[in-house]
Amino acid sequence: PGPPDRPPRSPKPVATKPVDLPTVMPASPMMLETPKAAVKGLEGGGDKKPARKQLAMPPAVTPQYDEPGMLSKMAKRQVLTKAQAVKKVPLFAHLRQFEPYSTSVTLAGKGVHPAIVWLGLQYASGHISGATARATAFLHAFKAYLHDYKCSPNKNVKRDLDAKIRPLIQFLDDCRPKSISMGNAIKYIKSQIYALPETISENEARELLLEKVETFLQEKIVFAGQVIADRVVEKIVDGDVILTYGSSHIVEVALKKAFDAGRDFQVIVVDSRPKLEGKQVLRKLVGHGIKCTYMLITSISYIMKQVSKVLVGAYTLLANGNLMSRVGTASLALMANTQNVPVIVAAETFKFTDRAHLESISFNELGDPEEVVWREGPNPPVLSAWRDIPALRLLNLRYDVTPMALITMVATEHGCIPPTSATVIVREYSQDLV
C-alpha cells in the first residue's frame, strides 16, 4: 500500500515588487461633464432616474439662553419689554427664565392688534392656561385680527399678511412661550397663507382664511375632543375608580359623558401646588353629580390600591412615545405602574410633535417663582424675602416627561393607540397641519 493521504501543503508566499498605480483614475464620460450637462443629458432621453422625495426641514433648534449673546439676540426680537431675571437656577439656566412684564409699555407703531394684546396679557397672567384653551383662544383672536386686516397700498396680500402676523406671534411668545398646540396652529395658518394665489384680492383672502381657521378649530379641536371623549367612555365600566390629575378639559368632558351614559363610577381628583388647578375640575364634576374625592399628590401611594384606571390629559405627545404634561404626571404614572393600574392619556393629534425628549431638563418651561411662596394664612410667608437671600433660589417647573413604558394607551380622534405609534401619527397626519 502507498503512503497515507496527506493534506496539500500551502504554497510559500512569493515576494512581489510594488506596482506603481496611476495617481489619477480614468474618468468616465459622465464624470467629465459638468453637473449641469450631466443633468441635461439625463433629461434628454434614456432611462430617467426617479425623482428623490424632498425631505422635510429639520425642526428648529431650541434656543439655549445661557449661550453668550443669546439674551441680547432674543431681546432684539421682542415686542414686549420685560425685565431680565436675576436669580437663576444653574441647572436650568439654558431655559428661558420667567420675566415679569410691564403693563405700562407702549405698543404704538408695532402693529399689535388689540385682540392679540388682550390675549397675550391673559396668557401672562395665567387666566388662559392649558394647551387646548391656549390654542383655541389664539385661533379666535386671529379671526378677530383677520376681520380688521387691511392690506398695505401696492403690496401683495400674501406677503403683506405674512409680514404683519410676525409681530403678533412674537408678542404672544413674549408674554408666555408658545405651547406645542399653538405652534401647530400657527404652522397651519402660515401654510394657508403661503398657499394663497398671488393675484387674490384682500376680501377673498380674508374669507378664505377665516374659513380655513374655522375648519381647523372645529375639526382638530371641537370635533376631535368629542370623538376622544366617546372613546374614553367606552373604556369606563361600572364600579371603576378613575384617578385624574390637575385640570384637563377633555378628561372633564369624558367623565361627564360617562356619567350621562349611566356608568356607575367614582373619581379621585389629585392636585398639587402651586396652582391647585384640580379644584376647578372638582367643582365642575361635583356640580354634575359625579362622586369625587379630592387629595394632594403627596398621598397617591395610599390611594393607588383602590384605583382601577388613571386618566390624564397631555401638554404634548413626543415622537418617541413619551408624554409631556404638567409636572407630577410622571410620578403619578410611576406609582400606577407599581400597582399594575393602566394609564390612559387623552390627547388630540394637533398636540403631537416631532420632537423627541428623554427628560424634562433640556426642554421645559419655567413658571413664576413667586407662585412657590405660600401666601395663605395670617402670618407672613416664610419665603417672602427669598430674593434677598443670596444662597436661595426658587424653581417652578411646569412640565415633566413620562416614559412611554408607563403609558398603557393614548386615546386620539384616530383611534386608541399604544404610545409607540406616536411617530406614525406624526408622519401620517402631519400633512393635515401644513
Protein backbone atom coordinates (compact mmCIF):
# COMPACT_ATOMS: atom_id res chain seq x y z
CA PRO A 1 0.00 0.00 0.00
CA GLY A 2 1.12 3.53 -0.73
CA PRO A 3 1.75 6.23 1.85
CA PRO A 4 -1.32 7.69 3.61
CA ASP A 5 -3.00 10.73 2.08
CA ARG A 6 -1.68 13.99 3.47
CA PRO A 7 -3.28 17.42 3.19
CA PRO A 8 -1.68 19.53 0.49
CA ARG A 9 0.89 21.99 1.67
CA SER A 10 0.06 25.67 1.36
CA PRO A 11 2.29 27.38 -1.17
CA LYS A 12 5.00 29.64 0.15
CA PRO A 13 4.34 33.35 -0.24
CA VAL A 14 6.13 34.79 -3.22
CA ALA A 15 7.77 38.17 -2.82
CA THR A 16 6.34 40.65 -5.29
CA LYS A 17 7.56 44.04 -6.29
CA PRO A 18 5.34 47.03 -5.56
CA VAL A 19 3.38 48.22 -8.54
CA ASP A 20 3.06 51.93 -9.19
CA LEU A 21 -0.63 52.79 -9.58
CA PRO A 22 -1.70 55.82 -11.55
CA THR A 23 -2.38 58.82 -9.36
CA VAL A 24 -5.38 59.82 -11.48
CA MET A 25 -8.04 57.28 -12.32
CA PRO A 26 -9.52 57.40 -15.80
CA ALA A 27 -12.77 59.29 -15.72
CA SER A 28 -15.97 58.16 -17.32
CA PRO A 29 -17.70 60.39 -19.85
CA MET A 30 -20.34 61.26 -17.26
CA MET A 31 -17.64 62.30 -14.79
CA LEU A 32 -16.05 64.58 -17.37
CA GLU A 33 -19.28 66.51 -17.82
CA THR A 34 -20.23 69.40 -15.64
CA PRO A 35 -23.14 68.78 -13.22
CA LYS A 36 -25.49 70.86 -15.38
CA ALA A 37 -24.51 68.96 -18.50
CA ALA A 38 -24.98 65.68 -16.74
CA VAL A 39 -28.47 66.67 -15.66
CA LYS A 40 -29.25 67.84 -19.15
CA GLY A 41 -28.06 64.53 -20.55
CA LEU A 42 -30.39 62.63 -18.25
CA GLU A 43 -33.33 64.82 -19.21
CA GLY A 44 -32.67 64.40 -22.90
CA GLY A 45 -33.55 60.73 -23.08
CA GLY A 46 -32.71 57.25 -21.89
CA ASP A 47 -33.69 55.82 -18.54
CA LYS A 48 -34.66 58.60 -16.20
CA LYS A 49 -33.91 58.21 -12.54
CA PRO A 50 -36.92 58.56 -10.25
CA ALA A 51 -37.11 61.93 -8.58
CA ARG A 52 -35.96 61.79 -5.00
CA LYS A 53 -38.60 62.77 -2.47
CA GLN A 54 -37.79 66.11 -0.93
CA LEU A 55 -37.05 65.72 2.75
CA ALA A 56 -38.78 67.90 5.30
CA MET A 57 -36.77 70.60 7.00
CA PRO A 58 -35.48 69.61 10.44
CA PRO A 59 -37.25 71.17 13.42
CA ALA A 60 -35.89 74.42 14.74
CA VAL A 61 -33.32 74.11 17.48
CA THR A 62 -34.46 75.28 20.90
CA PRO A 63 -32.55 78.46 21.88
CA GLN A 64 -30.04 77.99 24.68
CA TYR A 65 -30.35 81.13 26.78
CA ASP A 66 -27.11 80.57 28.66
CA GLU A 67 -25.04 80.94 25.48
CA PRO A 68 -23.07 84.20 25.16
CA GLY A 69 -25.00 86.83 23.26
CA MET A 70 -28.28 84.86 23.18
CA LEU A 71 -30.12 87.21 25.54
CA SER A 72 -29.22 90.29 23.51
CA LYS A 73 -30.15 88.48 20.31
CA MET A 74 -33.57 87.49 21.63
CA ALA A 75 -34.13 90.97 23.10
CA LYS A 76 -33.92 92.45 19.61
CA ARG A 77 -36.86 90.33 18.51
CA GLN A 78 -39.05 91.15 21.48
CA VAL A 79 -42.11 93.32 21.03
CA LEU A 80 -42.91 93.48 24.74
CA THR A 81 -40.21 94.94 27.00
CA LYS A 82 -39.53 92.74 30.02
CA ALA A 83 -37.11 92.83 32.93
CA GLN A 84 -34.26 90.35 32.98
CA ALA A 85 -34.34 87.53 35.51
CA VAL A 86 -31.66 87.88 38.20
CA LYS A 87 -31.69 84.75 40.36
CA LYS A 88 -31.41 81.74 38.06
CA VAL A 89 -31.18 78.07 38.94
CA PRO A 90 -27.89 76.98 37.32
CA LEU A 91 -29.21 73.60 36.13
CA PHE A 92 -31.98 75.34 34.18
CA ALA A 93 -30.10 78.47 33.10
CA HIS A 94 -30.34 77.32 29.47
CA LEU A 95 -34.13 77.67 29.55
CA ARG A 96 -36.00 80.90 29.07
CA GLN A 97 -36.35 82.43 32.51
CA PHE A 98 -39.63 83.75 33.80
CA GLU A 99 -39.59 87.52 33.39
CA PRO A 100 -42.37 89.75 34.72
CA TYR A 101 -43.89 92.00 32.09
CA SER A 102 -44.68 95.68 32.41
CA THR A 103 -48.23 96.77 31.59
CA SER A 104 -47.07 100.35 31.06
CA VAL A 105 -45.14 99.52 27.89
CA THR A 106 -46.45 101.20 24.76
CA LEU A 107 -47.15 99.14 21.66
CA ALA A 108 -47.89 102.06 19.37
CA GLY A 109 -46.48 101.59 15.89
CA LYS A 110 -45.69 97.91 16.39
CA GLY A 111 -48.79 96.61 14.64
CA VAL A 112 -50.20 94.55 17.51
CA HIS A 113 -53.96 94.13 17.29
CA PRO A 114 -55.98 94.83 20.48
CA ALA A 115 -57.34 91.27 20.47
CA ILE A 116 -53.77 89.93 20.44
CA VAL A 117 -52.75 92.31 23.22
CA TRP A 118 -55.65 91.14 25.38
CA LEU A 119 -54.84 87.51 24.65
CA GLY A 120 -51.15 87.94 25.49
CA LEU A 121 -51.95 89.52 28.84
CA GLN A 122 -54.34 86.68 29.58
CA TYR A 123 -51.52 84.22 28.83
CA ALA A 124 -49.08 86.08 31.04
CA SER A 125 -51.46 86.36 33.98
CA GLY A 126 -52.47 82.69 33.76
CA HIS A 127 -56.16 83.34 33.21
CA ILE A 128 -55.95 81.31 29.99
CA SER A 129 -53.88 78.17 30.50
CA GLY A 130 -53.86 74.64 29.18
CA ALA A 131 -52.77 73.50 25.73
CA THR A 132 -56.28 73.29 24.27
CA ALA A 133 -57.53 76.54 25.80
CA ARG A 134 -54.47 78.49 24.62
CA ALA A 135 -54.73 77.20 21.05
CA THR A 136 -58.49 77.84 20.92
CA ALA A 137 -58.12 81.38 22.24
CA PHE A 138 -55.35 82.08 19.73
CA LEU A 139 -57.50 80.97 16.79
CA HIS A 140 -60.39 83.18 17.93
CA ALA A 141 -58.05 86.16 18.37
CA PHE A 142 -56.56 85.60 14.93
CA LYS A 143 -60.05 85.56 13.43
CA ALA A 144 -60.70 88.93 15.08
CA TYR A 145 -57.47 90.22 13.54
CA LEU A 146 -58.48 88.99 10.08
CA HIS A 147 -61.78 90.87 10.29
CA ASP A 148 -59.86 94.13 10.78
CA TYR A 149 -56.97 93.36 8.45
CA LYS A 150 -56.16 95.96 5.78
CA CYS A 151 -53.58 95.34 3.12
CA SER A 152 -50.89 97.99 2.70
CA PRO A 153 -51.07 100.00 -0.54
CA ASN A 154 -49.26 98.50 -3.53
CA LYS A 155 -48.49 95.34 -1.59
CA ASN A 156 -49.21 91.71 -2.34
CA VAL A 157 -51.81 90.37 0.12
CA LYS A 158 -49.94 87.13 0.62
CA ARG A 159 -46.62 88.74 1.53
CA ASP A 160 -48.16 91.63 3.42
CA LEU A 161 -50.19 89.36 5.69
CA ASP A 162 -47.22 87.10 6.34
CA ALA A 163 -45.13 90.10 7.41
CA LYS A 164 -47.84 91.58 9.63
CA ILE A 165 -48.59 88.46 11.66
CA ARG A 166 -44.97 88.08 12.76
CA PRO A 167 -45.11 90.80 15.47
CA LEU A 168 -48.42 89.32 16.65
CA ILE A 169 -46.86 85.90 17.18
CA GLN A 170 -43.75 87.42 18.73
CA PHE A 171 -45.86 89.42 21.19
CA LEU A 172 -47.69 86.28 22.32
CA ASP A 173 -44.36 84.48 22.69
CA ASP A 174 -43.02 87.38 24.76
CA CYS A 175 -45.96 87.10 27.12
CA ARG A 176 -45.55 83.33 27.51
CA PRO A 177 -43.62 80.78 25.43
CA LYS A 178 -45.76 79.18 22.75
CA SER A 179 -47.18 75.75 23.52
CA ILE A 180 -46.80 72.87 21.07
CA SER A 181 -50.50 73.11 20.23
CA MET A 182 -50.17 76.82 19.47
CA GLY A 183 -47.11 76.13 17.35
CA ASN A 184 -49.03 73.61 15.26
CA ALA A 185 -51.92 76.05 14.84
CA ILE A 186 -49.50 78.78 13.73
CA LYS A 187 -47.88 76.40 11.24
CA TYR A 188 -51.29 75.63 9.79
CA ILE A 189 -52.18 79.32 9.42
CA LYS A 190 -48.86 80.15 7.77
CA SER A 191 -49.22 77.22 5.36
CA GLN A 192 -52.64 78.50 4.33
CA ILE A 193 -51.21 81.99 3.78
CA TYR A 194 -48.39 80.60 1.63
CA ALA A 195 -50.95 78.65 -0.42
CA LEU A 196 -52.89 81.78 -1.37
CA PRO A 197 -52.81 82.70 -5.07
CA GLU A 198 -50.60 85.62 -5.98
CA THR A 199 -53.46 87.54 -7.55
CA ILE A 200 -56.03 87.02 -4.79
CA SER A 201 -57.84 90.10 -3.51
CA GLU A 202 -57.93 91.25 0.08
CA ASN A 203 -61.57 90.29 0.68
CA GLU A 204 -61.15 86.89 -0.97
CA ALA A 205 -58.07 86.16 1.13
CA ARG A 206 -59.89 87.20 4.30
CA GLU A 207 -62.89 84.99 3.61
CA LEU A 208 -60.74 82.02 2.63
CA LEU A 209 -58.52 82.25 5.70
CA LEU A 210 -61.49 82.70 8.03
CA GLU A 211 -62.99 79.53 6.58
CA LYS A 212 -59.72 77.60 6.98
CA VAL A 213 -59.24 78.72 10.58
CA GLU A 214 -62.80 77.79 11.48
CA THR A 215 -62.34 74.39 9.84
CA PHE A 216 -59.20 73.75 11.88
CA LEU A 217 -60.97 74.87 15.04
CA GLN A 218 -63.96 72.61 14.50
CA GLU A 219 -62.21 69.53 13.15
CA LYS A 220 -58.96 69.45 15.14
CA ILE A 221 -60.23 70.74 18.48
CA VAL A 222 -64.02 70.63 18.92
CA PHE A 223 -64.90 67.50 16.94
CA ALA A 224 -61.68 65.73 17.93
CA GLY A 225 -62.43 66.33 21.60
CA GLN A 226 -65.90 64.85 21.24
CA VAL A 227 -64.59 61.74 19.48
CA ILE A 228 -61.86 61.22 22.08
CA ALA A 229 -64.39 61.62 24.89
CA ASP A 230 -66.56 58.90 23.29
CA ARG A 231 -63.56 56.56 23.06
CA VAL A 232 -62.71 57.12 26.71
CA VAL A 233 -66.32 56.43 27.74
CA GLU A 234 -66.04 53.01 26.09
CA LYS A 235 -63.18 52.16 28.48
CA ILE A 236 -65.13 53.08 31.65
CA VAL A 237 -67.23 50.32 33.24
CA ASP A 238 -69.43 50.11 36.31
CA GLY A 239 -67.50 50.06 39.55
CA ASP A 240 -64.45 51.88 38.17
CA VAL A 241 -62.44 54.24 40.33
CA ILE A 242 -60.94 56.80 37.95
CA LEU A 243 -57.99 58.87 39.10
CA THR A 244 -57.24 62.12 37.26
CA TYR A 245 -54.63 64.76 37.87
CA GLY A 246 -54.91 68.52 37.66
CA SER A 247 -57.21 70.13 35.12
CA SER A 248 -57.86 68.73 31.65
CA HIS A 249 -60.84 69.85 29.59
CA ILE A 250 -61.02 66.68 27.52
CA VAL A 251 -60.88 64.48 30.64
CA GLU A 252 -63.65 66.54 32.21
CA VAL A 253 -65.85 66.13 29.11
CA ALA A 254 -65.21 62.37 29.00
CA LEU A 255 -66.14 61.86 32.66
CA LYS A 256 -69.34 63.87 32.24
CA LYS A 257 -70.28 61.84 29.16
CA ALA A 258 -69.65 58.59 31.02
CA PHE A 259 -71.91 59.74 33.87
CA ASP A 260 -74.65 60.78 31.43
CA ALA A 261 -74.35 57.36 29.76
CA GLY A 262 -75.30 55.68 33.05
CA ARG A 263 -71.88 54.46 34.15
CA ASP A 264 -71.53 53.93 37.90
CA PHE A 265 -68.02 55.06 38.86
CA GLN A 266 -66.09 57.30 41.22
CA VAL A 267 -63.45 59.91 40.52
CA ILE A 268 -60.37 60.76 42.57
CA VAL A 269 -59.06 64.24 41.72
CA VAL A 270 -55.37 64.57 42.55
CA ASP A 271 -53.97 68.07 42.80
CA SER A 272 -50.67 69.81 43.53
CA ARG A 273 -49.32 73.22 44.32
CA PRO A 274 -48.80 75.94 43.33
CA LYS A 275 -51.82 76.41 41.06
CA LEU A 276 -54.17 73.77 42.53
CA GLU A 277 -55.99 73.53 39.18
CA GLY A 278 -57.76 70.36 40.26
CA LYS A 279 -60.20 72.41 42.34
CA GLN A 280 -61.81 73.72 39.16
CA VAL A 281 -62.38 70.20 37.81
CA LEU A 282 -63.61 69.02 41.21
CA ARG A 283 -66.17 71.80 41.36
CA LYS A 284 -67.50 71.02 37.88
CA LEU A 285 -67.66 67.25 38.37
CA VAL A 286 -69.41 67.50 41.73
CA GLY A 287 -71.84 70.00 40.24
CA HIS A 288 -72.59 67.43 37.53
CA GLY A 289 -73.46 64.82 40.17
CA ILE A 290 -70.31 62.67 39.99
CA LYS A 291 -68.99 61.19 43.25
CA CYS A 292 -65.49 62.60 43.80
CA THR A 293 -62.61 62.51 46.24
CA TYR A 294 -60.04 65.29 46.43
CA MET A 295 -56.45 64.82 47.56
CA LEU A 296 -52.93 66.12 47.03
CA ILE A 297 -50.30 64.28 45.03
CA THR A 298 -48.27 63.55 48.17
CA SER A 299 -50.88 60.94 49.17
CA ILE A 300 -51.14 58.93 45.95
CA SER A 301 -49.23 55.95 47.38
CA TYR A 302 -52.03 55.38 49.90
CA ILE A 303 -54.92 55.62 47.46
CA MET A 304 -53.48 53.93 44.34
CA LYS A 305 -54.52 50.44 45.51
CA GLN A 306 -58.17 51.48 45.19
CA VAL A 307 -57.77 52.91 41.68
CA SER A 308 -58.78 50.91 38.59
CA LYS A 309 -57.73 53.42 35.88
CA VAL A 310 -55.67 56.61 35.63
CA LEU A 311 -56.93 59.16 33.10
CA VAL A 312 -54.82 62.26 32.31
CA GLY A 313 -54.53 64.89 29.62
CA ALA A 314 -51.42 65.97 27.72
CA TYR A 315 -49.38 69.05 27.02
CA THR A 316 -47.81 67.22 24.08
CA LEU A 317 -47.03 63.68 23.00
CA LEU A 318 -43.46 63.36 21.76
CA ALA A 319 -42.42 61.42 18.67
CA ASN A 320 -40.65 58.77 20.77
CA GLY A 321 -43.87 58.00 22.63
CA ASN A 322 -43.06 59.89 25.82
CA LEU A 323 -45.68 62.13 27.36
CA MET A 324 -45.06 65.72 28.37
CA SER A 325 -47.64 67.02 30.80
CA ARG A 326 -47.93 69.09 33.97
CA VAL A 327 -45.23 68.38 36.49
CA GLY A 328 -46.13 65.45 38.71
CA THR A 329 -47.64 63.30 35.96
CA ALA A 330 -44.51 61.14 35.76
CA SER A 331 -44.63 60.39 39.49
CA LEU A 332 -48.31 59.55 39.20
CA ALA A 333 -47.73 57.17 36.28
CA LEU A 334 -44.81 55.51 38.06
CA MET A 335 -46.93 54.85 41.15
CA ALA A 336 -49.72 53.46 38.95
CA ASN A 337 -47.24 51.18 37.22
CA THR A 338 -46.12 49.68 40.54
CA GLN A 339 -49.76 48.74 41.25
CA ASN A 340 -50.47 47.50 37.67
CA VAL A 341 -53.02 50.27 37.12
CA PRO A 342 -53.48 51.22 33.44
CA VAL A 343 -52.65 54.80 32.49
CA ILE A 344 -54.79 56.29 29.71
CA VAL A 345 -53.79 59.56 28.02
CA ALA A 346 -56.39 61.63 26.16
CA ALA A 347 -54.73 63.82 23.52
CA GLU A 348 -55.77 65.36 20.23
CA THR A 349 -53.37 64.84 17.34
CA PHE A 350 -52.73 68.58 16.99
CA LYS A 351 -50.81 68.25 20.27
CA PHE A 352 -48.40 65.69 18.77
CA THR A 353 -44.90 66.85 17.86
CA ASP A 354 -41.86 65.53 16.03
CA ARG A 355 -39.68 66.42 18.99
CA ALA A 356 -38.14 63.58 20.98
CA HIS A 357 -37.02 64.04 24.57
CA LEU A 358 -35.95 61.59 27.24
CA GLU A 359 -36.04 64.02 30.16
CA SER A 360 -37.55 67.33 31.18
CA ILE A 361 -34.34 69.32 31.61
CA SER A 362 -33.29 70.15 28.05
CA PHE A 363 -36.79 71.36 27.06
CA ASN A 364 -39.28 72.80 29.55
CA GLU A 365 -40.96 75.99 30.71
CA LEU A 366 -40.27 77.90 33.89
CA GLY A 367 -43.16 79.43 35.80
CA ASP A 368 -43.24 82.37 38.16
CA PRO A 369 -41.07 81.57 41.22
CA GLU A 370 -43.36 83.77 43.30
CA GLU A 371 -46.06 81.11 42.92
CA VAL A 372 -44.00 78.76 45.07
CA VAL A 373 -44.21 81.18 48.01
CA TRP A 374 -47.10 80.08 50.24
CA ARG A 375 -49.12 83.24 50.92
CA GLU A 376 -52.20 81.90 52.70
CA GLY A 377 -52.69 82.34 56.44
CA PRO A 378 -52.42 85.25 58.89
CA ASN A 379 -48.63 85.11 59.22
CA PRO A 380 -46.29 86.50 56.54
CA PRO A 381 -44.96 83.86 54.14
CA VAL A 382 -41.71 82.21 55.09
CA LEU A 383 -40.16 82.71 51.65
CA SER A 384 -41.34 86.29 51.17
CA ALA A 385 -37.76 87.63 51.30
CA TRP A 386 -36.20 84.92 49.14
CA ARG A 387 -34.79 87.44 46.68
CA ASP A 388 -32.69 88.97 49.45
CA ILE A 389 -31.08 85.64 50.40
CA PRO A 390 -28.04 85.10 48.14
CA ALA A 391 -27.89 81.31 48.61
CA LEU A 392 -31.63 80.73 47.94
CA ARG A 393 -33.28 80.22 44.55
CA LEU A 394 -36.82 79.07 43.76
CA LEU A 395 -37.68 76.73 40.90
CA ASN A 396 -41.14 76.38 39.38
CA LEU A 397 -41.11 73.82 36.56
CA ARG A 398 -44.33 73.49 34.59
CA TYR A 399 -43.91 70.10 32.88
CA ASP A 400 -42.24 66.73 33.21
CA VAL A 401 -41.72 63.80 30.84
CA THR A 402 -43.43 60.44 31.42
CA PRO A 403 -41.68 57.47 29.74
CA MET A 404 -43.82 55.59 27.24
CA ALA A 405 -43.24 52.36 29.22
CA LEU A 406 -45.56 53.77 31.91
CA ILE A 407 -48.38 54.61 29.45
CA THR A 408 -50.92 51.94 28.56
CA MET A 409 -52.92 53.68 25.84
CA VAL A 410 -53.35 57.02 24.09
CA ALA A 411 -56.89 57.96 23.07
CA THR A 412 -56.93 60.12 19.91
CA GLU A 413 -59.57 61.05 17.35
CA HIS A 414 -57.99 58.49 15.01
CA GLY A 415 -58.33 55.65 17.50
CA CYS A 416 -56.81 54.25 20.67
CA ILE A 417 -53.13 53.60 20.03
CA PRO A 418 -50.10 52.50 22.06
CA PRO A 419 -47.58 55.27 22.76
CA THR A 420 -45.12 53.58 20.41
CA SER A 421 -47.38 54.56 17.50
CA ALA A 422 -46.98 58.29 18.17
CA THR A 423 -44.41 58.59 15.41
CA VAL A 424 -46.89 57.02 12.97
CA ILE A 425 -49.48 59.66 13.83
CA VAL A 426 -46.88 62.40 13.38
CA ARG A 427 -45.85 61.00 9.99
CA GLU A 428 -49.27 60.17 8.57
CA TYR A 429 -51.27 63.15 9.79
CA SER A 430 -48.64 65.89 9.79
CA GLN A 431 -49.79 66.87 6.30
CA ASP A 432 -53.12 67.96 7.80
CA LEU A 433 -51.29 70.75 9.60
CA VAL A 434 -49.48 72.14 6.56
